[in-house]
Amino acid sequence: MRDRRLIPSLFLIATFATFAICAVTAAATAPPAPSAAPAPTTRRIDLIGPDGKVFPYSVEIPVDWQVVPDPEKKGLWLAPAGVDPGKDPRSVFVRPSPADLRKPEETVRSIQENDKKDDTWAAPLVAVRLVGTTGTRGILVQMDSGKGASARSLLVLKLPVGPESVDLMGVAPRALFAALRPAYEKILFSVQPVLPAGK
C-alpha cells in the first residue's frame, strides 16, 4: 500500500523537475532584455566668437562643460564646469585669427621657416589636417616655448574662415602636456564644418 502511494508522488516530483530544467534552459538561451541606451557623454555645439559671430564649425565637448566668453582675450573658453578656464589647463581656448589658410601648405612652410629663425620657441609638429568629410583643410601645430617652470606646450588646430581663420588650442605646462594631449585631441579632432542651409 505504501509503495503505491509513493509512485504518484515520485511522478509529480519528476514532472516538476523536468519543467524546472526546461524553464532554466529557456531562460539561459533567451535573448537578453533590451537595456536603456547609455546617457550621452558629449554634446555638439557651434563655435561662436566673442562678438557673436558664428564660425562655420561645430565641436563636441563633454556634456558638463561650460562655454565662457572672454572679451579681454577676444575669444571663448570650452572648459569643465565650475572652474576658472584661464587657470585650468584642461580648457580649450577658441579665438579668431587674421591668418589666411586658403593655401595651407604655404602656411605650414612659413611656420617652419620662422621656427628656424627664432630659438625662443619650437614647432615639432606642423601639418595640414583634413577636417570632416567636406575636404576642408586646417593646420595642426604643436608649439613649445619657455624653460624650466615657465615651459609651456600648445596644441592648436587652425581652421579656415574665408580669408581669415579660427584657432582651437589647448595650453599646458610642459610637465602636464603629454597627459592632457589626448583630451585636447579628442576635442580638436571632433570639429566638423557646418554646411550652409540648403547644401
N, C-alpha and C. Protein backbone atom coordinates (compact mmCIF):
# COMPACT_ATOMS: atom_id res chain seq x y z
N MET A 1 0.83 -1.20 0.00
CA MET A 1 0.00 0.00 0.00
C MET A 1 0.86 1.25 0.00
N ARG A 2 1.89 1.24 0.83
CA ARG A 2 2.76 2.40 0.93
C ARG A 2 3.48 2.65 -0.39
N ASP A 3 3.89 1.57 -1.10
CA ASP A 3 4.59 1.73 -2.36
C ASP A 3 3.70 2.36 -3.41
N ARG A 4 2.43 2.00 -3.41
CA ARG A 4 1.51 2.56 -4.40
C ARG A 4 1.32 4.05 -4.22
N ARG A 5 1.32 4.52 -2.96
CA ARG A 5 1.15 5.96 -2.72
C ARG A 5 2.40 6.74 -3.13
N LEU A 6 3.56 6.10 -3.07
CA LEU A 6 4.80 6.79 -3.40
C LEU A 6 4.95 7.02 -4.90
N ILE A 7 4.38 6.10 -5.71
CA ILE A 7 4.58 6.20 -7.15
C ILE A 7 4.02 7.50 -7.72
N PRO A 8 2.76 7.92 -7.40
CA PRO A 8 2.27 9.21 -7.92
C PRO A 8 3.11 10.38 -7.44
N SER A 9 3.57 10.32 -6.17
CA SER A 9 4.37 11.43 -5.63
C SER A 9 5.68 11.55 -6.38
N LEU A 10 6.32 10.39 -6.65
CA LEU A 10 7.57 10.43 -7.39
C LEU A 10 7.36 10.94 -8.81
N PHE A 11 6.22 10.57 -9.41
CA PHE A 11 5.92 11.05 -10.75
C PHE A 11 5.77 12.56 -10.79
N LEU A 12 5.05 13.10 -9.77
CA LEU A 12 4.87 14.55 -9.70
C LEU A 12 6.20 15.28 -9.52
N ILE A 13 7.05 14.69 -8.68
CA ILE A 13 8.36 15.31 -8.44
C ILE A 13 9.18 15.31 -9.72
N ALA A 14 9.19 14.17 -10.44
CA ALA A 14 9.95 14.07 -11.68
C ALA A 14 9.42 15.04 -12.72
N THR A 15 8.08 15.16 -12.81
CA THR A 15 7.48 16.07 -13.78
C THR A 15 7.85 17.52 -13.46
N PHE A 16 7.78 17.88 -12.18
CA PHE A 16 8.14 19.24 -11.77
C PHE A 16 9.60 19.54 -12.09
N ALA A 17 10.48 18.56 -11.84
CA ALA A 17 11.90 18.75 -12.12
C ALA A 17 12.15 18.96 -13.60
N THR A 18 11.40 18.20 -14.44
CA THR A 18 11.55 18.35 -15.89
C THR A 18 11.16 19.76 -16.33
N PHE A 19 10.00 20.25 -15.81
CA PHE A 19 9.56 21.60 -16.14
C PHE A 19 10.57 22.64 -15.68
N ALA A 20 11.14 22.42 -14.49
CA ALA A 20 12.11 23.39 -13.96
C ALA A 20 13.35 23.45 -14.83
N ILE A 21 13.83 22.26 -15.27
CA ILE A 21 15.02 22.23 -16.14
C ILE A 21 14.74 22.92 -17.45
N CYS A 22 13.55 22.69 -18.03
CA CYS A 22 13.18 23.34 -19.29
C CYS A 22 13.13 24.85 -19.13
N ALA A 23 12.57 25.31 -17.97
CA ALA A 23 12.45 26.75 -17.74
C ALA A 23 13.81 27.39 -17.64
N VAL A 24 14.74 26.70 -16.91
CA VAL A 24 16.08 27.24 -16.76
C VAL A 24 16.80 27.28 -18.10
N THR A 25 16.64 26.22 -18.90
CA THR A 25 17.27 26.17 -20.22
C THR A 25 16.75 27.27 -21.12
N ALA A 26 15.41 27.48 -21.09
CA ALA A 26 14.82 28.53 -21.92
C ALA A 26 15.32 29.91 -21.51
N ALA A 27 15.42 30.10 -20.19
CA ALA A 27 15.90 31.41 -19.71
C ALA A 27 17.34 31.65 -20.12
N ALA A 28 18.14 30.57 -20.11
CA ALA A 28 19.55 30.71 -20.45
C ALA A 28 19.76 31.02 -21.93
N THR A 29 18.85 30.50 -22.77
CA THR A 29 19.01 30.69 -24.21
C THR A 29 18.21 31.86 -24.75
N ALA A 30 17.35 32.48 -23.92
CA ALA A 30 16.55 33.61 -24.38
C ALA A 30 17.44 34.82 -24.60
N PRO A 31 17.13 35.64 -25.60
CA PRO A 31 17.93 36.85 -25.83
C PRO A 31 17.81 37.79 -24.64
N PRO A 32 18.88 38.52 -24.33
CA PRO A 32 18.83 39.44 -23.18
C PRO A 32 17.80 40.54 -23.40
N ALA A 33 17.20 40.96 -22.31
CA ALA A 33 16.20 42.04 -22.39
C ALA A 33 16.90 43.32 -22.81
N PRO A 34 16.26 44.10 -23.66
CA PRO A 34 16.88 45.36 -24.09
C PRO A 34 17.13 46.28 -22.90
N SER A 35 18.32 46.87 -22.87
CA SER A 35 18.67 47.78 -21.78
C SER A 35 18.53 49.22 -22.27
N ALA A 36 18.43 50.11 -21.32
CA ALA A 36 18.29 51.52 -21.66
C ALA A 36 19.56 52.02 -22.34
N ALA A 37 19.40 52.89 -23.33
CA ALA A 37 20.55 53.45 -24.03
C ALA A 37 21.41 54.25 -23.05
N PRO A 38 22.73 54.12 -23.15
CA PRO A 38 23.59 54.88 -22.24
C PRO A 38 23.43 56.39 -22.46
N ALA A 39 23.53 57.11 -21.37
CA ALA A 39 23.40 58.56 -21.46
C ALA A 39 24.56 59.13 -22.25
N PRO A 40 24.31 60.14 -23.09
CA PRO A 40 25.40 60.73 -23.88
C PRO A 40 26.44 61.37 -22.96
N THR A 41 27.69 61.28 -23.38
CA THR A 41 28.77 61.86 -22.59
C THR A 41 29.28 63.16 -23.20
N THR A 42 28.88 63.46 -24.45
CA THR A 42 29.31 64.69 -25.11
C THR A 42 28.11 65.38 -25.74
N ARG A 43 28.29 66.64 -26.06
CA ARG A 43 27.28 67.40 -26.80
C ARG A 43 27.99 68.23 -27.86
N ARG A 44 27.32 68.43 -28.98
CA ARG A 44 27.92 69.19 -30.08
C ARG A 44 27.40 70.61 -30.05
N ILE A 45 28.32 71.56 -30.18
CA ILE A 45 27.95 72.97 -30.14
C ILE A 45 28.56 73.69 -31.34
N ASP A 46 27.93 74.79 -31.75
CA ASP A 46 28.50 75.64 -32.78
C ASP A 46 29.58 76.51 -32.16
N LEU A 47 30.60 76.83 -32.94
CA LEU A 47 31.66 77.72 -32.46
C LEU A 47 31.23 79.16 -32.72
N ILE A 48 31.20 79.95 -31.66
CA ILE A 48 30.76 81.35 -31.75
C ILE A 48 31.85 82.24 -31.19
N GLY A 49 32.17 83.29 -31.90
CA GLY A 49 33.20 84.22 -31.47
C GLY A 49 32.71 85.14 -30.36
N PRO A 50 33.63 85.90 -29.75
CA PRO A 50 33.26 86.78 -28.63
C PRO A 50 32.29 87.89 -29.04
N ASP A 51 32.26 88.23 -30.35
CA ASP A 51 31.35 89.27 -30.83
C ASP A 51 30.03 88.69 -31.32
N GLY A 52 29.82 87.39 -31.07
CA GLY A 52 28.58 86.75 -31.51
C GLY A 52 28.67 86.17 -32.91
N LYS A 53 29.79 86.37 -33.58
CA LYS A 53 29.96 85.81 -34.92
C LYS A 53 30.01 84.30 -34.86
N VAL A 54 29.23 83.65 -35.70
CA VAL A 54 29.21 82.18 -35.72
C VAL A 54 30.22 81.69 -36.75
N PHE A 55 31.18 80.89 -36.31
CA PHE A 55 32.14 80.29 -37.22
C PHE A 55 31.49 79.07 -37.88
N PRO A 56 31.90 78.71 -39.10
CA PRO A 56 31.24 77.61 -39.81
C PRO A 56 31.72 76.23 -39.36
N TYR A 57 31.81 76.04 -38.03
CA TYR A 57 32.27 74.77 -37.49
C TYR A 57 31.51 74.45 -36.22
N SER A 58 31.39 73.14 -35.94
CA SER A 58 30.85 72.69 -34.66
C SER A 58 31.88 71.77 -34.02
N VAL A 59 31.75 71.58 -32.71
CA VAL A 59 32.72 70.78 -31.98
C VAL A 59 32.01 70.05 -30.85
N GLU A 60 32.54 68.89 -30.46
CA GLU A 60 31.96 68.13 -29.36
C GLU A 60 32.75 68.41 -28.08
N ILE A 61 31.99 68.65 -27.00
CA ILE A 61 32.61 68.84 -25.70
C ILE A 61 31.86 67.95 -24.69
N PRO A 62 32.46 67.63 -23.55
CA PRO A 62 31.75 66.85 -22.53
C PRO A 62 30.44 67.54 -22.13
N VAL A 63 29.43 66.75 -21.78
CA VAL A 63 28.10 67.31 -21.51
C VAL A 63 28.11 68.30 -20.35
N ASP A 64 29.04 68.13 -19.41
CA ASP A 64 29.04 69.01 -18.24
C ASP A 64 30.02 70.18 -18.37
N TRP A 65 30.52 70.42 -19.58
CA TRP A 65 31.43 71.56 -19.77
C TRP A 65 30.64 72.84 -20.02
N GLN A 66 31.31 73.95 -19.81
CA GLN A 66 30.71 75.27 -20.00
C GLN A 66 31.41 76.00 -21.15
N VAL A 67 30.69 76.95 -21.72
CA VAL A 67 31.24 77.83 -22.76
C VAL A 67 31.30 79.22 -22.15
N VAL A 68 32.52 79.76 -22.02
CA VAL A 68 32.71 81.01 -21.29
C VAL A 68 33.36 82.05 -22.20
N PRO A 69 32.64 83.09 -22.61
CA PRO A 69 33.26 84.16 -23.41
C PRO A 69 34.34 84.87 -22.60
N ASP A 70 35.39 85.30 -23.28
CA ASP A 70 36.47 86.03 -22.64
C ASP A 70 36.75 87.29 -23.48
N PRO A 71 35.99 88.38 -23.21
CA PRO A 71 36.15 89.60 -24.01
C PRO A 71 37.57 90.17 -23.94
N GLU A 72 38.22 90.01 -22.80
CA GLU A 72 39.56 90.58 -22.64
C GLU A 72 40.55 89.92 -23.61
N LYS A 73 40.44 88.60 -23.76
CA LYS A 73 41.34 87.88 -24.67
C LYS A 73 40.72 87.69 -26.05
N LYS A 74 39.53 88.24 -26.24
CA LYS A 74 38.84 88.22 -27.53
C LYS A 74 38.66 86.78 -28.05
N GLY A 75 38.11 85.95 -27.18
CA GLY A 75 37.84 84.57 -27.55
C GLY A 75 36.84 83.97 -26.59
N LEU A 76 36.76 82.65 -26.56
CA LEU A 76 35.90 81.98 -25.60
C LEU A 76 36.56 80.69 -25.16
N TRP A 77 36.18 80.23 -23.98
CA TRP A 77 36.74 79.02 -23.40
C TRP A 77 35.72 77.89 -23.46
N LEU A 78 36.21 76.69 -23.76
CA LEU A 78 35.46 75.46 -23.58
C LEU A 78 36.11 74.80 -22.38
N ALA A 79 35.37 74.68 -21.26
CA ALA A 79 36.03 74.32 -20.02
C ALA A 79 35.12 73.49 -19.11
N PRO A 80 35.72 72.71 -18.21
CA PRO A 80 34.92 71.99 -17.23
C PRO A 80 34.08 72.95 -16.40
N ALA A 81 32.90 72.50 -16.00
CA ALA A 81 32.01 73.37 -15.22
C ALA A 81 32.65 73.72 -13.88
N GLY A 82 32.42 74.96 -13.48
CA GLY A 82 32.83 75.41 -12.15
C GLY A 82 34.29 75.76 -11.98
N VAL A 83 35.04 75.86 -13.08
CA VAL A 83 36.46 76.21 -12.94
C VAL A 83 36.71 77.58 -13.55
N ASP A 84 37.85 78.14 -13.21
CA ASP A 84 38.32 79.35 -13.88
C ASP A 84 39.04 78.88 -15.14
N PRO A 85 38.45 79.05 -16.33
CA PRO A 85 39.03 78.45 -17.54
C PRO A 85 40.46 78.86 -17.80
N GLY A 86 40.78 80.12 -17.51
CA GLY A 86 42.14 80.60 -17.78
C GLY A 86 43.19 79.96 -16.90
N LYS A 87 42.76 79.33 -15.81
CA LYS A 87 43.71 78.73 -14.88
C LYS A 87 43.67 77.20 -14.91
N ASP A 88 42.71 76.63 -15.61
CA ASP A 88 42.58 75.17 -15.67
C ASP A 88 43.13 74.68 -17.01
N PRO A 89 44.23 73.92 -17.02
CA PRO A 89 44.87 73.53 -18.28
C PRO A 89 44.04 72.56 -19.12
N ARG A 90 42.97 72.02 -18.57
CA ARG A 90 42.11 71.14 -19.38
C ARG A 90 41.30 71.94 -20.39
N SER A 91 41.16 73.23 -20.18
CA SER A 91 40.32 74.07 -21.02
C SER A 91 40.90 74.23 -22.42
N VAL A 92 40.01 74.48 -23.37
CA VAL A 92 40.39 74.75 -24.75
C VAL A 92 39.94 76.17 -25.10
N PHE A 93 40.84 76.96 -25.65
CA PHE A 93 40.53 78.34 -26.00
C PHE A 93 40.23 78.45 -27.50
N VAL A 94 39.20 79.22 -27.82
CA VAL A 94 38.80 79.44 -29.21
C VAL A 94 38.92 80.93 -29.50
N ARG A 95 39.60 81.26 -30.60
CA ARG A 95 39.78 82.68 -30.91
C ARG A 95 39.84 82.89 -32.43
N PRO A 96 39.36 84.03 -32.90
CA PRO A 96 39.53 84.35 -34.32
C PRO A 96 40.98 84.70 -34.59
N SER A 97 41.41 84.49 -35.83
CA SER A 97 42.79 84.78 -36.21
C SER A 97 42.80 85.42 -37.58
N PRO A 98 43.71 86.39 -37.83
CA PRO A 98 43.80 87.01 -39.16
C PRO A 98 44.55 86.15 -40.17
N ALA A 99 45.10 85.00 -39.75
CA ALA A 99 45.89 84.16 -40.65
C ALA A 99 45.04 83.64 -41.81
N ASP A 100 45.57 83.73 -42.99
CA ASP A 100 44.90 83.24 -44.20
C ASP A 100 45.34 81.80 -44.44
N LEU A 101 44.39 80.87 -44.38
CA LEU A 101 44.72 79.45 -44.54
C LEU A 101 44.22 78.88 -45.86
N ARG A 102 43.94 79.74 -46.83
CA ARG A 102 43.43 79.23 -48.09
C ARG A 102 44.49 78.44 -48.86
N LYS A 103 45.77 78.65 -48.50
CA LYS A 103 46.85 77.84 -49.07
C LYS A 103 47.63 77.25 -47.88
N PRO A 104 47.08 76.20 -47.28
CA PRO A 104 47.65 75.69 -46.02
C PRO A 104 49.10 75.23 -46.13
N GLU A 105 49.49 74.66 -47.27
CA GLU A 105 50.87 74.23 -47.41
C GLU A 105 51.84 75.40 -47.28
N GLU A 106 51.46 76.56 -47.81
CA GLU A 106 52.32 77.75 -47.68
C GLU A 106 52.41 78.21 -46.23
N THR A 107 51.30 78.10 -45.52
CA THR A 107 51.31 78.49 -44.10
C THR A 107 52.19 77.55 -43.30
N VAL A 108 52.14 76.25 -43.61
CA VAL A 108 53.00 75.28 -42.93
C VAL A 108 54.46 75.63 -43.15
N ARG A 109 54.84 75.93 -44.40
CA ARG A 109 56.24 76.28 -44.68
C ARG A 109 56.65 77.55 -43.96
N SER A 110 55.73 78.52 -43.89
CA SER A 110 56.05 79.78 -43.21
C SER A 110 56.31 79.54 -41.72
N ILE A 111 55.49 78.72 -41.08
CA ILE A 111 55.70 78.43 -39.66
C ILE A 111 57.03 77.72 -39.46
N GLN A 112 57.34 76.77 -40.34
CA GLN A 112 58.60 76.03 -40.22
C GLN A 112 59.81 76.93 -40.42
N GLU A 113 59.71 77.86 -41.35
CA GLU A 113 60.82 78.79 -41.59
C GLU A 113 61.01 79.73 -40.41
N ASN A 114 59.92 80.22 -39.85
CA ASN A 114 60.02 81.10 -38.68
C ASN A 114 60.59 80.36 -37.48
N ASP A 115 60.26 79.08 -37.37
CA ASP A 115 60.79 78.26 -36.29
C ASP A 115 62.32 78.23 -36.34
N LYS A 116 62.87 78.13 -37.52
CA LYS A 116 64.32 78.07 -37.68
C LYS A 116 65.00 79.39 -37.30
N LYS A 117 64.27 80.49 -37.43
CA LYS A 117 64.85 81.81 -37.18
C LYS A 117 64.73 82.25 -35.72
N ASP A 118 63.87 81.59 -34.93
CA ASP A 118 63.60 82.05 -33.57
C ASP A 118 63.79 80.89 -32.60
N ASP A 119 64.82 80.99 -31.75
CA ASP A 119 65.10 79.89 -30.83
C ASP A 119 64.34 80.00 -29.51
N THR A 120 63.41 80.95 -29.41
CA THR A 120 62.61 81.06 -28.18
C THR A 120 61.42 80.11 -28.19
N TRP A 121 61.15 79.51 -29.34
CA TRP A 121 60.07 78.53 -29.43
C TRP A 121 60.41 77.50 -30.51
N ALA A 122 59.71 76.38 -30.44
CA ALA A 122 59.91 75.31 -31.43
C ALA A 122 58.56 74.75 -31.83
N ALA A 123 58.47 74.29 -33.06
CA ALA A 123 57.23 73.69 -33.56
C ALA A 123 57.55 72.27 -34.03
N PRO A 124 57.56 71.29 -33.11
CA PRO A 124 57.89 69.93 -33.50
C PRO A 124 56.83 69.27 -34.40
N LEU A 125 55.65 69.87 -34.46
CA LEU A 125 54.61 69.34 -35.34
C LEU A 125 53.92 70.49 -36.06
N VAL A 126 53.96 70.45 -37.39
CA VAL A 126 53.20 71.40 -38.22
C VAL A 126 52.72 70.59 -39.42
N ALA A 127 51.41 70.42 -39.56
CA ALA A 127 50.91 69.55 -40.63
C ALA A 127 49.53 69.99 -41.07
N VAL A 128 49.27 69.82 -42.37
CA VAL A 128 47.93 70.04 -42.91
C VAL A 128 47.06 68.88 -42.44
N ARG A 129 45.84 69.21 -41.99
CA ARG A 129 44.93 68.18 -41.50
C ARG A 129 43.55 68.35 -42.11
N LEU A 130 43.01 67.26 -42.65
CA LEU A 130 41.64 67.27 -43.16
C LEU A 130 40.66 67.35 -42.01
N VAL A 131 39.61 68.14 -42.20
CA VAL A 131 38.59 68.33 -41.16
C VAL A 131 37.24 67.89 -41.72
N GLY A 132 36.64 66.89 -41.10
CA GLY A 132 35.35 66.40 -41.58
C GLY A 132 35.49 65.69 -42.91
N THR A 133 34.38 65.62 -43.64
CA THR A 133 34.36 64.89 -44.91
C THR A 133 34.12 65.81 -46.11
N THR A 134 34.26 67.12 -45.90
CA THR A 134 33.97 68.07 -46.98
C THR A 134 35.22 68.51 -47.74
N GLY A 135 36.37 68.00 -47.32
CA GLY A 135 37.61 68.42 -47.97
C GLY A 135 38.23 69.65 -47.35
N THR A 136 37.63 70.17 -46.28
CA THR A 136 38.19 71.33 -45.58
C THR A 136 39.55 70.95 -44.99
N ARG A 137 40.53 71.84 -45.17
CA ARG A 137 41.86 71.57 -44.66
C ARG A 137 42.27 72.64 -43.65
N GLY A 138 42.66 72.17 -42.49
CA GLY A 138 43.18 73.05 -41.46
C GLY A 138 44.66 72.76 -41.25
N ILE A 139 45.21 73.33 -40.20
CA ILE A 139 46.62 73.09 -39.86
C ILE A 139 46.70 72.74 -38.38
N LEU A 140 47.37 71.64 -38.10
CA LEU A 140 47.60 71.22 -36.72
C LEU A 140 49.03 71.57 -36.34
N VAL A 141 49.17 72.29 -35.21
CA VAL A 141 50.50 72.76 -34.80
C VAL A 141 50.72 72.45 -33.32
N GLN A 142 51.90 71.93 -33.01
CA GLN A 142 52.34 71.88 -31.62
C GLN A 142 53.49 72.86 -31.48
N MET A 143 53.42 73.69 -30.45
CA MET A 143 54.48 74.66 -30.21
C MET A 143 54.96 74.53 -28.76
N ASP A 144 56.27 74.57 -28.58
CA ASP A 144 56.89 74.54 -27.26
C ASP A 144 57.63 75.84 -27.03
N SER A 145 57.49 76.40 -25.83
CA SER A 145 58.19 77.65 -25.53
C SER A 145 58.53 77.69 -24.04
N GLY A 146 59.44 78.58 -23.71
CA GLY A 146 59.83 78.76 -22.31
C GLY A 146 60.77 77.68 -21.81
N LYS A 147 61.30 77.92 -20.62
CA LYS A 147 62.21 76.97 -19.98
C LYS A 147 61.87 76.83 -18.51
N GLY A 148 62.27 75.70 -17.95
CA GLY A 148 62.05 75.48 -16.53
C GLY A 148 60.59 75.52 -16.16
N ALA A 149 60.29 76.24 -15.07
CA ALA A 149 58.91 76.30 -14.57
C ALA A 149 57.98 77.03 -15.53
N SER A 150 58.53 77.85 -16.40
CA SER A 150 57.69 78.61 -17.34
C SER A 150 57.52 77.89 -18.68
N ALA A 151 58.04 76.68 -18.81
CA ALA A 151 57.93 75.94 -20.07
C ALA A 151 56.46 75.57 -20.33
N ARG A 152 56.02 75.83 -21.54
CA ARG A 152 54.64 75.55 -21.95
C ARG A 152 54.63 74.85 -23.30
N SER A 153 53.60 74.02 -23.50
CA SER A 153 53.36 73.40 -24.80
C SER A 153 51.93 73.69 -25.21
N LEU A 154 51.75 73.88 -26.49
CA LEU A 154 50.45 74.27 -27.03
C LEU A 154 50.12 73.35 -28.21
N LEU A 155 48.86 72.92 -28.28
CA LEU A 155 48.37 72.18 -29.44
C LEU A 155 47.21 72.98 -30.01
N VAL A 156 47.33 73.37 -31.28
CA VAL A 156 46.31 74.22 -31.88
C VAL A 156 45.88 73.67 -33.22
N LEU A 157 44.57 73.70 -33.46
CA LEU A 157 44.02 73.38 -34.77
C LEU A 157 43.52 74.69 -35.37
N LYS A 158 44.15 75.07 -36.49
CA LYS A 158 43.80 76.31 -37.17
C LYS A 158 42.87 75.97 -38.34
N LEU A 159 41.72 76.67 -38.40
CA LEU A 159 40.70 76.35 -39.39
C LEU A 159 40.39 77.55 -40.26
N PRO A 160 40.23 77.35 -41.57
CA PRO A 160 39.96 78.49 -42.46
C PRO A 160 38.55 79.03 -42.31
N VAL A 161 38.46 80.35 -42.33
CA VAL A 161 37.16 81.05 -42.36
C VAL A 161 37.31 82.16 -43.39
N GLY A 162 37.02 81.85 -44.64
CA GLY A 162 37.24 82.82 -45.70
C GLY A 162 38.71 83.20 -45.76
N PRO A 163 39.02 84.50 -45.80
CA PRO A 163 40.43 84.93 -45.85
C PRO A 163 41.07 84.96 -44.47
N GLU A 164 40.34 84.57 -43.45
CA GLU A 164 40.88 84.56 -42.09
C GLU A 164 40.78 83.14 -41.54
N SER A 165 40.78 83.01 -40.20
CA SER A 165 40.74 81.66 -39.63
C SER A 165 40.26 81.72 -38.18
N VAL A 166 40.10 80.53 -37.59
CA VAL A 166 39.76 80.42 -36.18
C VAL A 166 40.66 79.34 -35.59
N ASP A 167 41.14 79.59 -34.37
CA ASP A 167 42.05 78.66 -33.69
C ASP A 167 41.34 78.00 -32.51
N LEU A 168 41.57 76.70 -32.33
CA LEU A 168 41.18 75.99 -31.12
C LEU A 168 42.47 75.47 -30.50
N MET A 169 42.72 75.84 -29.25
CA MET A 169 44.02 75.49 -28.68
C MET A 169 43.93 75.04 -27.23
N GLY A 170 44.78 74.09 -26.91
CA GLY A 170 44.98 73.67 -25.53
C GLY A 170 46.41 74.01 -25.13
N VAL A 171 46.58 74.62 -23.97
CA VAL A 171 47.91 75.03 -23.50
C VAL A 171 48.11 74.49 -22.09
N ALA A 172 49.28 73.92 -21.86
CA ALA A 172 49.55 73.35 -20.54
C ALA A 172 51.03 73.48 -20.20
N PRO A 173 51.37 73.48 -18.91
CA PRO A 173 52.78 73.38 -18.53
C PRO A 173 53.39 72.14 -19.19
N ARG A 174 54.65 72.23 -19.56
CA ARG A 174 55.29 71.12 -20.27
C ARG A 174 55.14 69.79 -19.54
N ALA A 175 55.19 69.83 -18.20
CA ALA A 175 55.12 68.59 -17.42
C ALA A 175 53.75 67.92 -17.51
N LEU A 176 52.71 68.70 -17.83
CA LEU A 176 51.35 68.15 -17.90
C LEU A 176 50.89 67.88 -19.33
N PHE A 177 51.60 68.42 -20.30
CA PHE A 177 51.11 68.41 -21.67
C PHE A 177 50.86 67.00 -22.22
N ALA A 178 51.80 66.08 -21.99
CA ALA A 178 51.65 64.73 -22.54
C ALA A 178 50.39 64.06 -22.00
N ALA A 179 50.09 64.28 -20.73
CA ALA A 179 48.90 63.66 -20.14
C ALA A 179 47.61 64.28 -20.66
N LEU A 180 47.65 65.59 -20.95
CA LEU A 180 46.44 66.29 -21.40
C LEU A 180 46.24 66.23 -22.91
N ARG A 181 47.28 65.91 -23.64
CA ARG A 181 47.18 65.94 -25.10
C ARG A 181 46.04 65.07 -25.66
N PRO A 182 45.84 63.83 -25.18
CA PRO A 182 44.72 63.05 -25.73
C PRO A 182 43.37 63.74 -25.56
N ALA A 183 43.18 64.44 -24.44
CA ALA A 183 41.92 65.16 -24.23
C ALA A 183 41.80 66.34 -25.19
N TYR A 184 42.90 67.05 -25.42
CA TYR A 184 42.89 68.14 -26.41
C TYR A 184 42.53 67.58 -27.79
N GLU A 185 43.20 66.49 -28.17
CA GLU A 185 42.96 65.92 -29.49
C GLU A 185 41.52 65.46 -29.66
N LYS A 186 40.94 64.89 -28.62
CA LYS A 186 39.55 64.42 -28.71
C LYS A 186 38.62 65.57 -29.08
N ILE A 187 38.85 66.74 -28.49
CA ILE A 187 38.01 67.90 -28.79
C ILE A 187 38.37 68.48 -30.15
N LEU A 188 39.64 68.74 -30.39
CA LEU A 188 40.06 69.35 -31.65
C LEU A 188 39.66 68.49 -32.85
N PHE A 189 39.84 67.18 -32.73
CA PHE A 189 39.57 66.30 -33.86
C PHE A 189 38.08 66.01 -34.05
N SER A 190 37.24 66.48 -33.12
CA SER A 190 35.79 66.31 -33.28
C SER A 190 35.18 67.43 -34.14
N VAL A 191 35.98 68.42 -34.50
CA VAL A 191 35.47 69.56 -35.28
C VAL A 191 34.89 69.09 -36.61
N GLN A 192 33.73 69.64 -36.95
CA GLN A 192 33.09 69.35 -38.23
C GLN A 192 32.68 70.67 -38.88
N PRO A 193 32.88 70.82 -40.19
CA PRO A 193 32.38 72.01 -40.87
C PRO A 193 30.84 72.01 -40.84
N VAL A 194 30.29 73.20 -40.71
CA VAL A 194 28.85 73.37 -40.75
C VAL A 194 28.48 73.89 -42.14
N LEU A 195 27.73 73.09 -42.88
CA LEU A 195 27.37 73.49 -44.23
C LEU A 195 26.26 74.52 -44.23
N PRO A 196 26.28 75.47 -45.16
CA PRO A 196 25.20 76.45 -45.25
C PRO A 196 23.86 75.75 -45.49
N ALA A 197 22.80 76.37 -45.03
CA ALA A 197 21.45 75.80 -45.21
C ALA A 197 21.18 75.54 -46.69
N GLY A 198 20.58 74.38 -46.96
CA GLY A 198 20.22 74.04 -48.33
C GLY A 198 21.29 73.28 -49.07
N LYS A 199 22.44 73.03 -48.42
CA LYS A 199 23.52 72.28 -49.08
C LYS A 199 23.73 70.95 -48.41
